[in-house]
Amino acid sequence: MQQFDIYIHPSCTNAAMEFGNYVWDRNKEGKFINRPIDDYNHFTDALRYSMEPIKKRSRI
């Protein structure tokens, strides 16, 4: 999803809050790792699942 521009309508306050609070997890040394924290991700997970057909199509 990172290669797409994602626009959130102002009336979608929960989606805007989730995207605003979405952060990557850190390891014991405090460095960012390639895994988001498991919080504020319900909308983002649903969006990612909805993008699966597009992702599969681009592999063909």
N, C-alpha and C. Protein backbone atom coordinates (compact mmCIF):
# COMPACT_ATOMS: atom_id res chain seq x y z
N MET A 1 0.80 -1.19 0.00
CA MET A 1 0.00 0.00 0.00
C MET A 1 0.85 1.26 0.00
N GLN A 2 2.12 1.12 0.33
CA GLN A 2 2.96 2.31 0.45
C GLN A 2 3.17 3.02 -0.87
N GLN A 3 2.97 2.32 -1.99
CA GLN A 3 3.19 2.97 -3.28
C GLN A 3 1.97 3.78 -3.74
N PHE A 4 0.86 3.72 -2.99
CA PHE A 4 -0.36 4.44 -3.34
C PHE A 4 -0.53 5.68 -2.50
N ASP A 5 -1.19 6.69 -3.09
CA ASP A 5 -1.63 7.85 -2.32
C ASP A 5 -2.97 7.49 -1.71
N ILE A 6 -3.12 7.68 -0.43
CA ILE A 6 -4.36 7.34 0.26
C ILE A 6 -4.99 8.64 0.74
N TYR A 7 -6.21 8.87 0.29
CA TYR A 7 -6.95 10.07 0.66
C TYR A 7 -8.07 9.67 1.61
N ILE A 8 -8.21 10.41 2.70
CA ILE A 8 -9.25 10.13 3.69
C ILE A 8 -10.19 11.32 3.74
N HIS A 9 -11.48 11.06 3.54
CA HIS A 9 -12.49 12.10 3.59
C HIS A 9 -12.55 12.66 5.01
N PRO A 10 -12.73 13.97 5.17
CA PRO A 10 -12.77 14.58 6.51
C PRO A 10 -13.84 13.98 7.43
N SER A 11 -14.91 13.44 6.87
CA SER A 11 -15.95 12.86 7.73
C SER A 11 -15.57 11.49 8.26
N CYS A 12 -14.50 10.89 7.75
CA CYS A 12 -14.02 9.58 8.21
C CYS A 12 -13.05 9.77 9.36
N THR A 13 -13.58 10.21 10.49
CA THR A 13 -12.72 10.60 11.62
C THR A 13 -11.96 9.41 12.21
N ASN A 14 -12.60 8.23 12.26
CA ASN A 14 -11.90 7.06 12.82
C ASN A 14 -10.75 6.63 11.93
N ALA A 15 -10.95 6.66 10.62
CA ALA A 15 -9.86 6.30 9.70
C ALA A 15 -8.71 7.29 9.83
N ALA A 16 -9.03 8.57 9.92
CA ALA A 16 -7.99 9.59 10.08
C ALA A 16 -7.24 9.41 11.38
N MET A 17 -7.95 9.07 12.46
CA MET A 17 -7.29 8.85 13.75
C MET A 17 -6.35 7.64 13.67
N GLU A 18 -6.81 6.55 13.04
CA GLU A 18 -5.96 5.37 12.93
C GLU A 18 -4.71 5.64 12.13
N PHE A 19 -4.84 6.33 10.99
CA PHE A 19 -3.65 6.64 10.19
C PHE A 19 -2.72 7.59 10.93
N GLY A 20 -3.28 8.49 11.70
CA GLY A 20 -2.45 9.42 12.47
C GLY A 20 -1.67 8.74 13.58
N ASN A 21 -2.20 7.64 14.10
CA ASN A 21 -1.56 6.93 15.21
C ASN A 21 -0.81 5.68 14.78
N TYR A 22 -0.79 5.39 13.49
CA TYR A 22 -0.13 4.18 12.98
C TYR A 22 1.38 4.38 13.00
N VAL A 23 2.07 3.53 13.74
CA VAL A 23 3.53 3.66 13.86
C VAL A 23 4.19 2.29 13.74
N TRP A 24 5.45 2.29 13.41
CA TRP A 24 6.23 1.06 13.30
C TRP A 24 6.77 0.68 14.66
N ASP A 25 6.90 -0.61 14.90
CA ASP A 25 7.41 -1.14 16.16
C ASP A 25 8.92 -0.94 16.23
N ARG A 26 9.47 -1.05 17.43
CA ARG A 26 10.91 -0.91 17.64
C ARG A 26 11.44 -2.18 18.31
N ASN A 27 12.71 -2.47 18.06
CA ASN A 27 13.33 -3.62 18.71
C ASN A 27 13.89 -3.20 20.07
N LYS A 28 14.61 -4.10 20.73
CA LYS A 28 15.14 -3.81 22.07
C LYS A 28 16.12 -2.65 22.08
N GLU A 29 16.81 -2.44 20.96
CA GLU A 29 17.77 -1.35 20.87
C GLU A 29 17.10 -0.01 20.53
N GLY A 30 15.81 -0.03 20.29
CA GLY A 30 15.09 1.19 19.96
C GLY A 30 15.05 1.51 18.47
N LYS A 31 15.54 0.60 17.63
CA LYS A 31 15.54 0.83 16.19
C LYS A 31 14.22 0.33 15.61
N PHE A 32 13.72 1.06 14.59
CA PHE A 32 12.48 0.66 13.94
C PHE A 32 12.65 -0.67 13.21
N ILE A 33 11.63 -1.51 13.29
CA ILE A 33 11.63 -2.78 12.56
C ILE A 33 10.47 -2.76 11.57
N ASN A 34 10.49 -3.65 10.61
CA ASN A 34 9.50 -3.66 9.54
C ASN A 34 8.22 -4.37 9.98
N ARG A 35 7.64 -3.88 11.08
CA ARG A 35 6.39 -4.42 11.59
C ARG A 35 5.67 -3.32 12.37
N PRO A 36 4.42 -3.05 12.03
CA PRO A 36 3.69 -2.02 12.77
C PRO A 36 3.29 -2.53 14.15
N ILE A 37 3.07 -1.59 15.08
CA ILE A 37 2.56 -2.01 16.38
C ILE A 37 1.14 -2.54 16.20
N ASP A 38 0.70 -3.39 17.08
CA ASP A 38 -0.63 -3.99 16.96
C ASP A 38 -1.66 -3.14 17.71
N ASP A 39 -1.83 -1.91 17.23
CA ASP A 39 -2.78 -0.98 17.82
C ASP A 39 -3.15 0.03 16.74
N TYR A 40 -4.33 0.55 16.77
CA TYR A 40 -4.79 1.51 15.75
C TYR A 40 -4.62 0.96 14.34
N ASN A 41 -5.07 -0.27 14.10
CA ASN A 41 -4.84 -0.85 12.79
C ASN A 41 -6.06 -1.55 12.18
N HIS A 42 -7.23 -1.36 12.75
CA HIS A 42 -8.41 -2.06 12.22
C HIS A 42 -8.76 -1.58 10.82
N PHE A 43 -8.81 -0.30 10.61
CA PHE A 43 -9.12 0.24 9.28
C PHE A 43 -7.99 -0.10 8.30
N THR A 44 -6.76 0.03 8.75
CA THR A 44 -5.61 -0.23 7.89
C THR A 44 -5.58 -1.70 7.47
N ASP A 45 -5.88 -2.61 8.38
CA ASP A 45 -5.93 -4.03 8.04
C ASP A 45 -7.01 -4.30 7.00
N ALA A 46 -8.20 -3.72 7.19
CA ALA A 46 -9.29 -3.92 6.24
C ALA A 46 -8.91 -3.37 4.87
N LEU A 47 -8.26 -2.22 4.85
CA LEU A 47 -7.83 -1.64 3.58
C LEU A 47 -6.79 -2.53 2.90
N ARG A 48 -5.85 -3.05 3.68
CA ARG A 48 -4.83 -3.93 3.12
C ARG A 48 -5.45 -5.21 2.54
N TYR A 49 -6.41 -5.80 3.26
CA TYR A 49 -7.08 -7.00 2.76
C TYR A 49 -7.85 -6.70 1.48
N SER A 50 -8.46 -5.52 1.39
CA SER A 50 -9.21 -5.17 0.18
C SER A 50 -8.29 -4.96 -1.02
N MET A 51 -7.02 -4.70 -0.78
CA MET A 51 -6.05 -4.48 -1.85
C MET A 51 -5.43 -5.77 -2.37
N GLU A 52 -5.68 -6.89 -1.73
CA GLU A 52 -5.08 -8.17 -2.13
C GLU A 52 -5.34 -8.52 -3.60
N PRO A 53 -6.57 -8.37 -4.13
CA PRO A 53 -6.77 -8.69 -5.55
C PRO A 53 -5.91 -7.84 -6.49
N ILE A 54 -5.69 -6.59 -6.13
CA ILE A 54 -4.85 -5.72 -6.94
C ILE A 54 -3.40 -6.18 -6.87
N LYS A 55 -2.96 -6.57 -5.70
CA LYS A 55 -1.60 -7.06 -5.51
C LYS A 55 -1.38 -8.34 -6.31
N LYS A 56 -2.34 -9.24 -6.28
CA LYS A 56 -2.21 -10.50 -7.02
C LYS A 56 -2.20 -10.25 -8.52
N ARG A 57 -3.01 -9.29 -9.00
CA ARG A 57 -3.06 -8.97 -10.42
C ARG A 57 -1.73 -8.41 -10.91
N SER A 58 -1.05 -7.65 -10.07
CA SER A 58 0.22 -7.03 -10.49
C SER A 58 1.34 -8.05 -10.59
N ARG A 59 1.20 -9.21 -9.96
CA ARG A 59 2.22 -10.26 -10.04
C ARG A 59 2.15 -11.03 -11.35
N ILE A 60 0.99 -11.02 -11.97
CA ILE A 60 0.79 -11.81 -13.19
C ILE A 60 1.45 -11.15 -14.38
